[in-house]
N, C-alpha and C. Protein backbone atom coordinates (compact mmCIF):
# COMPACT_ATOMS: atom_id res chain seq x y z
N MET A 1 -41.46 -6.32 3.80
CA MET A 1 -41.07 -7.38 3.05
C MET A 1 -40.19 -6.93 1.44
N LYS A 2 -40.87 -5.69 0.95
CA LYS A 2 -40.53 -5.69 -0.28
C LYS A 2 -38.90 -5.03 0.03
N LYS A 3 -38.58 -4.26 0.79
CA LYS A 3 -37.38 -3.94 1.08
C LYS A 3 -36.39 -5.19 1.38
N HIS A 4 -36.89 -6.11 1.74
CA HIS A 4 -36.04 -6.72 2.30
C HIS A 4 -35.64 -8.02 1.26
N ASN A 5 -36.85 -7.80 0.38
CA ASN A 5 -36.52 -8.88 -1.04
C ASN A 5 -35.14 -8.38 -1.86
N CYS A 6 -35.34 -6.74 -1.87
CA CYS A 6 -34.83 -5.74 -2.80
C CYS A 6 -32.88 -5.81 -2.23
N LEU A 7 -33.06 -6.04 -1.01
CA LEU A 7 -31.61 -5.91 -0.39
C LEU A 7 -31.21 -7.32 -0.85
N ILE A 8 -32.09 -8.56 -0.92
CA ILE A 8 -31.17 -9.78 -0.88
C ILE A 8 -30.77 -9.81 -2.85
N PHE A 9 -31.67 -9.21 -3.23
CA PHE A 9 -31.40 -8.97 -4.55
C PHE A 9 -29.92 -8.27 -4.75
N LEU A 10 -30.16 -7.07 -4.66
CA LEU A 10 -28.67 -6.38 -4.66
C LEU A 10 -27.58 -7.10 -4.20
N LEU A 11 -27.41 -7.65 -3.12
CA LEU A 11 -26.38 -8.26 -2.63
C LEU A 11 -25.88 -9.26 -3.38
N SER A 12 -27.51 -9.87 -4.06
CA SER A 12 -26.89 -11.67 -4.80
C SER A 12 -26.08 -10.93 -6.13
N ILE A 13 -26.76 -9.73 -6.79
CA ILE A 13 -25.93 -9.30 -7.77
C ILE A 13 -24.49 -8.67 -7.70
N ALA A 14 -24.19 -8.13 -6.36
CA ALA A 14 -23.11 -7.71 -5.84
C ALA A 14 -21.58 -8.79 -6.16
N PHE A 15 -22.34 -10.33 -5.68
CA PHE A 15 -21.51 -11.16 -5.64
C PHE A 15 -21.34 -11.89 -6.29
N LEU A 16 -21.95 -11.42 -7.67
CA LEU A 16 -21.86 -11.93 -9.30
C LEU A 16 -20.88 -11.07 -10.08
N LEU A 17 -20.82 -10.06 -9.53
CA LEU A 17 -20.09 -9.07 -10.46
C LEU A 17 -18.54 -9.65 -10.59
N PRO A 18 -17.78 -9.24 -11.45
CA PRO A 18 -16.49 -9.47 -11.80
C PRO A 18 -15.60 -8.66 -10.38
N HIS A 19 -14.21 -9.46 -10.56
CA HIS A 19 -13.57 -8.57 -9.40
C HIS A 19 -13.30 -6.98 -9.66
N GLN A 20 -13.27 -6.78 -10.77
CA GLN A 20 -12.64 -5.18 -11.49
C GLN A 20 -13.85 -4.44 -10.60
N TYR A 21 -15.07 -4.79 -10.61
CA TYR A 21 -15.68 -3.95 -9.63
C TYR A 21 -15.40 -3.74 -8.43
N PHE A 22 -15.04 -4.25 -7.91
CA PHE A 22 -14.59 -4.10 -5.99
C PHE A 22 -13.02 -3.42 -6.10
N SER A 23 -12.88 -2.61 -7.28
CA SER A 23 -11.29 -2.35 -7.30
C SER A 23 -11.23 -0.82 -7.28
N THR A 24 -9.88 -0.57 -6.60
CA THR A 24 -9.60 1.06 -6.57
C THR A 24 -9.10 1.44 -8.16
N THR A 25 -9.45 2.57 -8.74
CA THR A 25 -8.29 3.01 -9.50
C THR A 25 -7.65 4.14 -9.48
N VAL A 26 -6.33 3.83 -9.50
CA VAL A 26 -5.49 4.92 -9.29
C VAL A 26 -4.45 5.11 -10.45
N GLU A 27 -3.64 6.35 -10.51
CA GLU A 27 -2.35 6.40 -11.32
C GLU A 27 -1.87 5.41 -11.41
N LYS A 28 -1.09 4.38 -12.49
CA LYS A 28 -0.03 3.77 -12.63
C LYS A 28 1.21 4.38 -12.51
N PHE A 29 2.11 3.68 -11.11
CA PHE A 29 3.45 4.54 -11.20
C PHE A 29 4.72 2.87 -11.54
N SER A 30 5.42 3.90 -12.25
CA SER A 30 6.89 3.10 -12.62
C SER A 30 7.89 3.20 -11.32
N LEU A 31 8.51 2.56 -11.10
CA LEU A 31 9.50 2.32 -10.08
C LEU A 31 10.23 3.94 -9.94
N GLU A 32 10.55 4.30 -11.02
CA GLU A 32 11.21 5.73 -11.18
C GLU A 32 9.78 6.60 -10.82
N ASP A 33 8.64 6.70 -11.11
CA ASP A 33 7.68 7.48 -10.32
C ASP A 33 7.68 7.48 -8.81
N LEU A 34 7.81 6.25 -8.65
CA LEU A 34 7.50 6.04 -6.97
C LEU A 34 8.91 6.81 -6.19
N VAL A 35 9.87 6.62 -6.94
CA VAL A 35 10.99 7.15 -6.24
C VAL A 35 10.85 8.86 -6.02
N HIS A 36 10.61 9.21 -7.55
CA HIS A 36 10.75 10.89 -7.85
C HIS A 36 9.57 11.43 -6.46
N LYS A 37 8.54 10.65 -6.75
CA LYS A 37 7.04 11.73 -6.21
C LYS A 37 7.43 11.13 -4.78
N SER A 38 7.97 10.20 -3.92
CA SER A 38 7.83 9.95 -2.56
C SER A 38 8.57 10.92 -2.02
N SER A 39 8.33 11.73 -0.59
CA SER A 39 9.03 12.41 0.08
C SER A 39 9.76 11.55 0.70
N LYS A 40 9.33 10.12 1.28
CA LYS A 40 10.24 9.25 1.96
C LYS A 40 10.34 8.15 1.64
N ILE A 41 11.62 7.22 1.59
CA ILE A 41 11.84 5.97 1.03
C ILE A 41 12.44 5.49 2.09
N VAL A 42 11.73 4.38 3.11
CA VAL A 42 12.35 3.98 4.21
C VAL A 42 12.31 2.08 3.79
N VAL A 43 13.32 1.35 4.56
CA VAL A 43 13.21 0.16 4.98
C VAL A 43 12.83 -0.12 6.61
N GLY A 44 11.95 -1.26 6.62
CA GLY A 44 11.52 -1.08 7.87
C GLY A 44 10.90 -2.21 8.22
N ARG A 45 10.34 -2.28 9.75
CA ARG A 45 9.82 -3.54 10.10
C ARG A 45 8.62 -2.79 10.75
N CYS A 46 7.20 -3.49 10.66
CA CYS A 46 5.70 -2.83 11.28
C CYS A 46 6.38 -3.53 12.57
N VAL A 47 5.86 -2.62 13.83
CA VAL A 47 6.23 -3.27 15.18
C VAL A 47 4.66 -3.19 15.61
N SER A 48 3.62 -2.18 15.60
CA SER A 48 2.51 -2.03 15.69
C SER A 48 1.40 -1.50 15.00
N THR A 49 0.09 -2.19 15.11
CA THR A 49 -1.11 -1.30 14.50
C THR A 49 -2.21 -1.02 15.20
N GLU A 50 -2.57 0.13 15.14
CA GLU A 50 -3.87 0.13 15.82
C GLU A 50 -4.91 1.37 14.78
N SER A 51 -6.27 0.60 15.00
CA SER A 51 -7.42 1.39 14.13
C SER A 51 -8.23 2.12 15.29
N ARG A 52 -8.74 3.37 14.42
CA ARG A 52 -9.90 4.30 15.39
C ARG A 52 -10.47 4.55 14.32
N TRP A 53 -11.65 5.58 15.04
CA TRP A 53 -12.20 6.36 13.89
C TRP A 53 -11.36 7.65 13.70
N ASN A 54 -11.96 8.35 12.82
CA ASN A 54 -11.53 9.85 12.64
C ASN A 54 -12.66 10.65 13.11
N GLY A 55 -12.38 11.95 13.55
CA GLY A 55 -12.94 12.64 14.62
C GLY A 55 -14.20 13.09 14.03
N LYS A 56 -14.56 12.32 13.11
CA LYS A 56 -16.28 12.86 12.78
C LYS A 56 -17.01 11.26 12.84
N ASN A 57 -16.06 10.35 13.09
CA ASN A 57 -16.59 9.04 13.36
C ASN A 57 -17.20 8.50 11.98
N THR A 58 -16.67 8.98 10.46
CA THR A 58 -17.06 8.50 9.28
C THR A 58 -16.16 7.16 8.72
N LEU A 59 -14.83 7.18 9.23
CA LEU A 59 -13.57 6.51 8.55
C LEU A 59 -13.03 5.92 9.89
N ILE A 60 -12.26 4.79 9.37
CA ILE A 60 -11.59 4.18 10.33
C ILE A 60 -10.20 4.08 9.85
N LEU A 61 -9.72 4.83 10.48
CA LEU A 61 -7.79 4.70 9.98
C LEU A 61 -7.30 3.65 10.68
N THR A 62 -6.12 3.51 10.39
CA THR A 62 -5.38 2.68 11.01
C THR A 62 -3.67 3.05 10.97
N THR A 63 -3.26 3.39 11.68
CA THR A 63 -2.01 3.68 12.11
C THR A 63 -1.15 2.88 12.42
N SER A 64 -0.22 2.06 11.42
CA SER A 64 1.07 1.23 11.88
C SER A 64 2.26 2.03 12.22
N THR A 65 2.98 1.82 13.24
CA THR A 65 4.11 2.17 13.49
C THR A 65 5.47 1.04 13.07
N VAL A 66 6.27 1.77 12.20
CA VAL A 66 7.18 1.33 11.49
C VAL A 66 8.54 1.79 12.05
N GLU A 67 9.19 0.72 12.80
CA GLU A 67 10.38 0.91 13.24
C GLU A 67 11.60 1.07 12.08
N ILE A 68 12.68 1.98 11.89
CA ILE A 68 13.11 2.40 10.42
C ILE A 68 14.63 1.76 10.53
N SER A 69 14.88 0.65 9.34
CA SER A 69 16.33 0.06 9.82
C SER A 69 17.20 0.84 8.69
N ASP A 70 16.46 1.65 7.63
CA ASP A 70 17.21 2.02 6.25
C ASP A 70 16.68 3.30 5.86
N GLN A 71 17.04 4.62 6.21
CA GLN A 71 16.48 5.67 5.27
C GLN A 71 17.34 5.83 3.80
N ILE A 72 16.61 5.79 3.21
CA ILE A 72 17.03 5.47 1.70
C ILE A 72 16.78 7.24 1.10
N LYS A 73 15.53 7.79 1.65
CA LYS A 73 15.40 9.35 0.80
C LYS A 73 14.67 9.90 2.32
N GLY A 74 14.96 11.12 2.34
CA GLY A 74 14.48 11.79 3.44
C GLY A 74 14.70 11.51 4.82
N GLU A 75 14.40 12.07 6.00
CA GLU A 75 14.86 11.95 7.37
C GLU A 75 13.80 11.33 8.03
N THR A 76 14.24 10.51 8.88
CA THR A 76 13.19 10.27 10.21
C THR A 76 14.03 9.80 11.46
N ASP A 77 13.53 9.55 12.38
CA ASP A 77 14.09 9.24 13.50
C ASP A 77 14.17 8.41 14.27
N GLY A 78 13.77 7.38 13.60
CA GLY A 78 14.33 5.98 13.60
C GLY A 78 12.28 5.04 13.42
N MET A 79 11.62 6.11 13.76
CA MET A 79 10.21 5.29 13.90
C MET A 79 9.69 6.40 13.10
N ILE A 80 8.30 5.58 12.31
CA ILE A 80 7.37 6.58 11.39
C ILE A 80 5.86 5.95 11.45
N ARG A 81 4.96 6.82 11.57
CA ARG A 81 4.05 6.55 11.28
C ARG A 81 3.06 6.27 10.25
N VAL A 82 2.72 5.46 10.07
CA VAL A 82 1.88 5.32 8.48
C VAL A 82 0.34 4.84 8.64
N VAL A 83 -0.07 5.85 8.32
CA VAL A 83 -1.85 6.05 8.10
C VAL A 83 -2.63 5.40 7.19
N THR A 84 -3.53 4.33 6.93
CA THR A 84 -4.02 3.99 6.17
C THR A 84 -5.57 3.82 6.29
N VAL A 85 -6.62 4.10 5.73
CA VAL A 85 -7.65 4.08 5.56
C VAL A 85 -8.24 2.35 5.76
N GLY A 86 -8.98 2.37 6.43
CA GLY A 86 -9.62 0.96 6.87
C GLY A 86 -9.11 0.46 8.11
N GLY A 87 -9.74 -0.41 8.57
CA GLY A 87 -9.24 -1.09 10.22
C GLY A 87 -10.74 -1.83 10.48
N THR A 88 -10.89 -2.27 11.92
CA THR A 88 -11.83 -2.66 12.64
C THR A 88 -11.66 -1.97 13.92
N VAL A 89 -12.80 -1.82 14.16
CA VAL A 89 -12.98 -1.15 15.66
C VAL A 89 -14.24 -1.49 15.94
N ASN A 90 -14.38 -2.41 17.44
CA ASN A 90 -15.76 -2.39 18.28
C ASN A 90 -16.46 -3.96 17.08
N GLY A 91 -15.76 -4.35 16.17
CA GLY A 91 -16.57 -5.58 15.26
C GLY A 91 -16.81 -5.05 14.19
N ILE A 92 -16.62 -3.30 13.77
CA ILE A 92 -17.20 -2.99 12.47
C ILE A 92 -15.81 -2.73 11.80
N THR A 93 -15.81 -3.49 10.58
CA THR A 93 -14.71 -3.35 9.78
C THR A 93 -14.93 -2.57 8.50
N GLN A 94 -14.01 -1.57 7.87
CA GLN A 94 -14.04 -0.79 6.90
C GLN A 94 -12.85 -1.54 5.90
N THR A 95 -12.79 -1.49 4.76
CA THR A 95 -11.84 -1.84 3.64
C THR A 95 -12.11 -0.83 2.50
N VAL A 96 -10.89 -0.75 1.93
CA VAL A 96 -10.65 0.26 0.93
C VAL A 96 -9.81 -0.71 -0.27
N SER A 97 -10.55 -1.23 -1.23
CA SER A 97 -9.92 -2.14 -2.19
C SER A 97 -8.23 -1.34 -2.57
N GLY A 98 -7.37 -2.20 -2.60
CA GLY A 98 -5.63 -1.53 -3.00
C GLY A 98 -5.36 -0.80 -2.23
N MET A 99 -5.93 -0.88 -0.65
CA MET A 99 -4.94 0.15 0.69
C MET A 99 -4.27 -1.31 1.01
N PRO A 100 -2.77 -0.68 1.38
CA PRO A 100 -2.05 -1.88 1.89
C PRO A 100 -2.38 -2.15 3.54
N GLN A 101 -2.25 -3.19 4.03
CA GLN A 101 -2.56 -3.71 5.19
C GLN A 101 -1.14 -3.98 5.71
N PHE A 102 -0.77 -3.51 7.15
CA PHE A 102 0.34 -4.12 7.29
C PHE A 102 0.07 -4.74 8.77
N GLU A 103 1.06 -5.78 8.71
CA GLU A 103 1.08 -6.79 9.95
C GLU A 103 2.52 -6.41 10.92
N PRO A 104 2.25 -6.58 12.13
CA PRO A 104 3.46 -5.96 13.19
C PRO A 104 4.39 -7.55 12.76
N GLY A 105 5.41 -6.96 13.02
CA GLY A 105 6.76 -8.06 12.21
C GLY A 105 7.03 -8.03 10.99
N GLU A 106 6.22 -7.34 10.15
CA GLU A 106 6.23 -7.80 8.67
C GLU A 106 7.30 -6.79 8.33
N GLU A 107 8.32 -6.97 7.25
CA GLU A 107 9.51 -6.07 6.81
C GLU A 107 9.20 -5.44 5.64
N VAL A 108 9.53 -4.42 5.36
CA VAL A 108 8.86 -3.41 4.30
C VAL A 108 9.92 -2.69 3.43
N ILE A 109 9.64 -2.26 2.63
CA ILE A 109 9.97 -1.37 1.97
C ILE A 109 8.78 -0.05 1.73
N LEU A 110 9.02 1.13 1.77
CA LEU A 110 7.84 2.15 1.77
C LEU A 110 8.37 3.02 1.08
N PHE A 111 7.54 3.67 -0.15
CA PHE A 111 7.27 5.07 -0.43
C PHE A 111 6.33 6.06 -0.07
N LEU A 112 6.62 6.79 0.34
CA LEU A 112 5.95 7.78 1.37
C LEU A 112 5.48 8.74 1.07
N GLU A 113 4.22 9.63 1.47
CA GLU A 113 4.23 10.94 1.01
C GLU A 113 3.12 11.39 2.25
N PRO A 114 3.59 12.57 2.54
CA PRO A 114 2.42 13.36 3.79
C PRO A 114 0.74 13.09 3.78
N SER A 115 0.45 12.62 5.08
CA SER A 115 -0.70 11.96 4.78
C SER A 115 -1.73 13.41 5.30
N LYS A 116 -3.00 13.73 5.19
CA LYS A 116 -3.72 14.59 5.81
C LYS A 116 -3.56 14.58 7.56
N ASN A 117 -3.51 13.05 7.62
CA ASN A 117 -3.47 12.93 9.29
C ASN A 117 -2.15 13.51 9.68
N THR A 118 -1.76 13.70 10.80
CA THR A 118 -0.43 13.38 11.09
C THR A 118 0.19 12.07 11.31
N GLY A 119 1.34 12.06 10.06
CA GLY A 119 1.49 10.68 9.71
C GLY A 119 1.97 10.58 8.14
N TRP A 120 2.28 9.80 7.52
CA TRP A 120 2.64 9.44 6.54
C TRP A 120 1.61 8.60 5.73
N GLN A 121 1.68 8.35 4.61
CA GLN A 121 0.77 7.12 3.93
C GLN A 121 1.36 7.02 2.62
N PRO A 122 1.76 5.61 2.29
CA PRO A 122 2.12 4.77 1.32
C PRO A 122 1.64 5.36 -0.47
N LEU A 123 2.52 6.07 -0.99
CA LEU A 123 2.15 6.55 -2.53
C LEU A 123 1.26 5.61 -2.86
N GLY A 124 0.56 5.83 -4.13
CA GLY A 124 -0.49 5.05 -4.91
C GLY A 124 -1.23 3.95 -4.15
N LEU A 125 -1.43 4.19 -2.88
CA LEU A 125 -1.99 3.05 -2.36
C LEU A 125 -0.95 2.09 -2.09
N ALA A 126 -1.49 0.82 -2.52
CA ALA A 126 -0.48 -0.57 -2.36
C ALA A 126 1.02 -0.48 -2.93
N GLN A 127 0.94 0.58 -4.08
CA GLN A 127 2.14 0.40 -5.08
C GLN A 127 3.54 0.87 -4.14
N GLY A 128 2.55 1.85 -3.26
CA GLY A 128 3.82 2.45 -2.11
C GLY A 128 4.70 1.56 -1.34
N LYS A 129 3.90 0.09 -1.19
CA LYS A 129 4.41 -0.84 -0.19
C LYS A 129 5.18 -2.06 -1.04
N LEU A 130 6.49 -2.50 -0.61
CA LEU A 130 6.92 -3.69 -1.20
C LEU A 130 7.14 -4.51 0.06
N ARG A 131 6.74 -5.85 0.29
CA ARG A 131 7.02 -6.89 1.47
C ARG A 131 8.44 -7.37 1.39
N ILE A 132 8.78 -7.29 2.31
CA ILE A 132 10.15 -8.00 2.06
C ILE A 132 9.83 -9.78 2.88
N THR A 133 10.79 -10.66 2.36
CA THR A 133 10.18 -11.96 2.71
C THR A 133 10.98 -12.88 2.04
N LYS A 134 11.54 -14.03 2.54
CA LYS A 134 12.30 -15.06 2.47
C LYS A 134 11.72 -16.11 1.23
N ASN A 135 12.51 -16.31 0.25
CA ASN A 135 11.84 -17.14 -0.88
C ASN A 135 11.91 -18.43 -0.51
N ARG A 136 10.89 -19.26 -0.36
CA ARG A 136 10.76 -20.58 0.37
C ARG A 136 11.65 -21.37 -0.45
N ILE A 137 11.68 -21.52 -1.89
CA ILE A 137 12.73 -22.49 -2.52
C ILE A 137 13.90 -21.79 -2.68
N THR A 138 14.47 -20.62 -2.76
CA THR A 138 15.83 -20.43 -3.00
C THR A 138 16.11 -20.17 -1.73
N GLY A 139 15.45 -19.42 -0.51
CA GLY A 139 15.90 -19.19 0.89
C GLY A 139 16.86 -17.41 0.83
N GLU A 140 16.84 -16.99 -0.67
CA GLU A 140 16.84 -15.42 -1.14
C GLU A 140 15.97 -14.60 -0.33
N MET A 141 16.49 -13.61 0.31
CA MET A 141 15.79 -12.49 0.37
C MET A 141 14.95 -11.98 -1.01
N GLU A 142 13.66 -11.42 -0.77
CA GLU A 142 13.27 -10.80 -1.76
C GLU A 142 12.15 -9.81 -2.01
N VAL A 143 11.70 -9.08 -2.58
CA VAL A 143 10.50 -8.12 -1.96
C VAL A 143 9.38 -8.51 -3.22
N VAL A 144 7.92 -8.52 -2.66
CA VAL A 144 6.58 -8.77 -3.21
C VAL A 144 6.22 -7.79 -3.22
N HIS A 145 5.63 -7.43 -4.68
CA HIS A 145 4.87 -5.83 -4.76
C HIS A 145 3.41 -6.42 -5.14
N SER A 146 2.65 -6.30 -4.40
CA SER A 146 1.50 -7.17 -4.47
C SER A 146 0.29 -5.90 -4.78
N LEU A 147 -0.37 -5.96 -5.71
CA LEU A 147 -1.37 -4.77 -6.35
C LEU A 147 -2.93 -5.37 -6.37
N SER A 148 -3.40 -6.29 -5.47
CA SER A 148 -4.52 -6.63 -5.24
C SER A 148 -5.39 -5.66 -5.17
N GLY A 149 -6.58 -5.45 -5.76
CA GLY A 149 -7.44 -4.70 -5.78
C GLY A 149 -7.13 -3.40 -6.27
N LEU A 150 -6.55 -3.32 -7.49
CA LEU A 150 -5.94 -1.90 -7.59
C LEU A 150 -6.43 -2.49 -9.01
N GLN A 151 -6.72 -1.30 -9.67
CA GLN A 151 -7.04 -0.94 -11.29
C GLN A 151 -6.04 0.07 -11.67
N LEU A 152 -4.78 -0.05 -12.57
CA LEU A 152 -3.79 1.15 -12.58
C LEU A 152 -4.23 1.55 -14.07
N TYR A 153 -4.37 2.75 -13.82
CA TYR A 153 -4.37 4.03 -14.96
C TYR A 153 -3.38 4.52 -15.61
N ASP A 154 -2.94 4.25 -16.79
CA ASP A 154 -1.91 4.85 -17.52
C ASP A 154 -2.36 5.86 -18.30
N PRO A 155 -2.05 7.08 -17.58
CA PRO A 155 -2.41 8.32 -18.43
C PRO A 155 -1.76 8.71 -19.94
N SER A 156 -0.64 7.52 -20.10
CA SER A 156 0.05 8.25 -21.41
C SER A 156 -1.00 7.18 -22.75
N THR A 157 -1.79 6.19 -22.41
CA THR A 157 -2.18 5.18 -22.99
C THR A 157 -3.78 5.65 -23.01
N GLN A 158 -3.97 5.91 -22.13
CA GLN A 158 -5.71 5.81 -21.24
C GLN A 158 -5.92 4.75 -20.96
N THR A 159 -5.33 4.00 -20.38
CA THR A 159 -5.70 2.17 -20.45
C THR A 159 -5.86 2.14 -18.99
N THR A 160 -6.66 1.16 -18.47
CA THR A 160 -6.37 0.73 -16.97
C THR A 160 -5.95 -0.92 -17.50
N SER A 161 -5.35 -1.50 -16.19
CA SER A 161 -4.78 -2.59 -16.05
C SER A 161 -4.67 -3.28 -14.69
N ALA A 162 -4.66 -4.29 -14.19
CA ALA A 162 -4.86 -5.03 -12.89
C ALA A 162 -3.38 -6.13 -12.83
N GLN A 163 -2.57 -6.03 -11.90
CA GLN A 163 -1.82 -7.04 -11.78
C GLN A 163 -2.80 -8.40 -11.47
N GLU A 164 -1.80 -9.58 -12.30
CA GLU A 164 -2.66 -10.98 -12.25
C GLU A 164 -1.84 -11.37 -10.89
N SER A 165 -1.08 -11.37 -10.78
CA SER A 165 -0.02 -12.03 -9.37
C SER A 165 1.05 -11.03 -8.99
N PRO A 166 0.95 -11.40 -7.79
CA PRO A 166 2.32 -10.34 -7.42
C PRO A 166 3.49 -10.63 -7.91
N ALA A 167 4.27 -9.24 -8.11
CA ALA A 167 5.48 -9.30 -8.53
C ALA A 167 6.41 -9.86 -7.74
N ARG A 168 7.45 -10.15 -7.89
CA ARG A 168 8.79 -10.76 -7.05
C ARG A 168 9.67 -10.39 -7.52
N ALA A 169 10.99 -9.71 -6.81
CA ALA A 169 12.41 -9.58 -7.31
C ALA A 169 13.09 -9.87 -6.29
N PRO A 170 14.39 -10.13 -6.49
CA PRO A 170 15.71 -10.31 -5.13
C PRO A 170 15.89 -8.89 -4.62
N LEU A 171 15.64 -8.88 -3.13
CA LEU A 171 16.01 -7.96 -2.39
C LEU A 171 17.21 -6.90 -2.88
N ARG A 172 18.30 -7.73 -2.98
CA ARG A 172 19.47 -6.88 -3.18
C ARG A 172 19.47 -6.02 -4.58
N LEU A 173 18.52 -6.44 -5.54
CA LEU A 173 18.53 -5.72 -6.73
C LEU A 173 17.70 -4.84 -6.41
N MET A 174 16.63 -5.01 -6.13
CA MET A 174 15.40 -3.84 -5.78
C MET A 174 16.49 -2.92 -4.92
N MET A 175 17.11 -3.19 -4.39
CA MET A 175 17.34 -2.06 -3.02
C MET A 175 18.47 -1.35 -3.99
N GLU A 176 19.63 -2.11 -4.77
CA GLU A 176 20.56 -1.28 -5.75
C GLU A 176 19.63 -0.22 -6.74
N ARG A 177 18.71 -0.77 -7.20
CA ARG A 177 18.00 -0.09 -8.13
C ARG A 177 17.55 1.21 -7.57
N ILE A 178 16.65 0.87 -6.60
CA ILE A 178 16.22 2.31 -5.71
C ILE A 178 17.27 3.34 -5.09
N ARG A 179 18.03 2.84 -4.68
CA ARG A 179 19.45 3.87 -4.17
C ARG A 179 19.92 4.22 -5.50
N ARG A 180 19.84 3.57 -6.62
CA ARG A 180 20.25 4.67 -8.09
C ARG A 180 19.77 5.61 -8.25
N LEU A 181 18.38 5.39 -8.63
CA LEU A 181 17.17 6.15 -8.57
C LEU A 181 17.21 7.46 -7.96
N VAL A 182 17.53 7.23 -6.83
CA VAL A 182 17.70 8.33 -5.38
C VAL A 182 18.62 9.10 -5.88
N ARG A 183 19.98 8.52 -6.32
CA ARG A 183 21.20 9.42 -6.58
C ARG A 183 20.74 10.12 -7.69
N SER A 184 20.02 9.28 -8.67
CA SER A 184 20.06 10.28 -9.70
C SER A 184 19.07 11.34 -9.76
N ASP A 185 18.05 11.16 -9.13
CA ASP A 185 16.55 12.29 -9.06
C ASP A 185 17.23 13.49 -8.20
N SER A 186 18.35 12.99 -7.04
CA SER A 186 18.70 13.94 -6.25
C SER A 186 19.72 14.83 -7.35
N ARG A 187 20.23 14.80 -8.11
CA ARG A 187 21.40 15.28 -8.76
C ARG A 187 20.52 16.26 -9.85
N GLN A 188 19.26 16.12 -10.07
CA GLN A 188 18.25 16.61 -10.96
C GLN A 188 17.40 18.08 -10.09
C-alpha cells in the first residue's frame, strides 16, 4: 500500500510542475544555422508513417516517408525516410518533448542531418521542421514553425528560452530566404 500511495503522490506532483519541466533543451539554431548545418534541405509531402521498436526493444522509432517536391540542398531520389524517436506500437506510446511528428498528407520544409539509423532526422528536433499550410484569413500559403516542448539554449548568452506560440511567415518569402542562404553558404 505504501508503494501505491508514493506513486500517486509522485504523479500528483508531476501534474503540478510547470511545463518547462517536460521540455527538451537543445541548442538554439537561427535559420542561417539550420541552412549551414543541414546536409539536406527539402520540401515535400509526408505520404506515410510507421512506428516500430528499435532492435533492443528500448525505443519506439517512427519512420515517415516524405515525397520530395523540391530539393534545396543535397540530392535525393524523390523520396526520403525521416526517423524520429517516439510513436505508438501495440498500444504503447513513447514521446519526446520537442520531437517533431509527421502526419500523412502534411507538407513540410525539412532541414535534415543523417540519423544513426538508416535515414535522416530533423536538425535540432522541431527546429528542423516547418509545416506548410494555407492561412485561413488571407488564403496565402505560409510556413508554421512550432517549437512546442523545446527549451532553446543560446550558447552566446548562456540563456534558455521557449517559444510562446508558433512562428508564421509567408511561404514565398521563407523559400527565397532559404535559397539565398544556401547560395551564400555554397560559395564559402
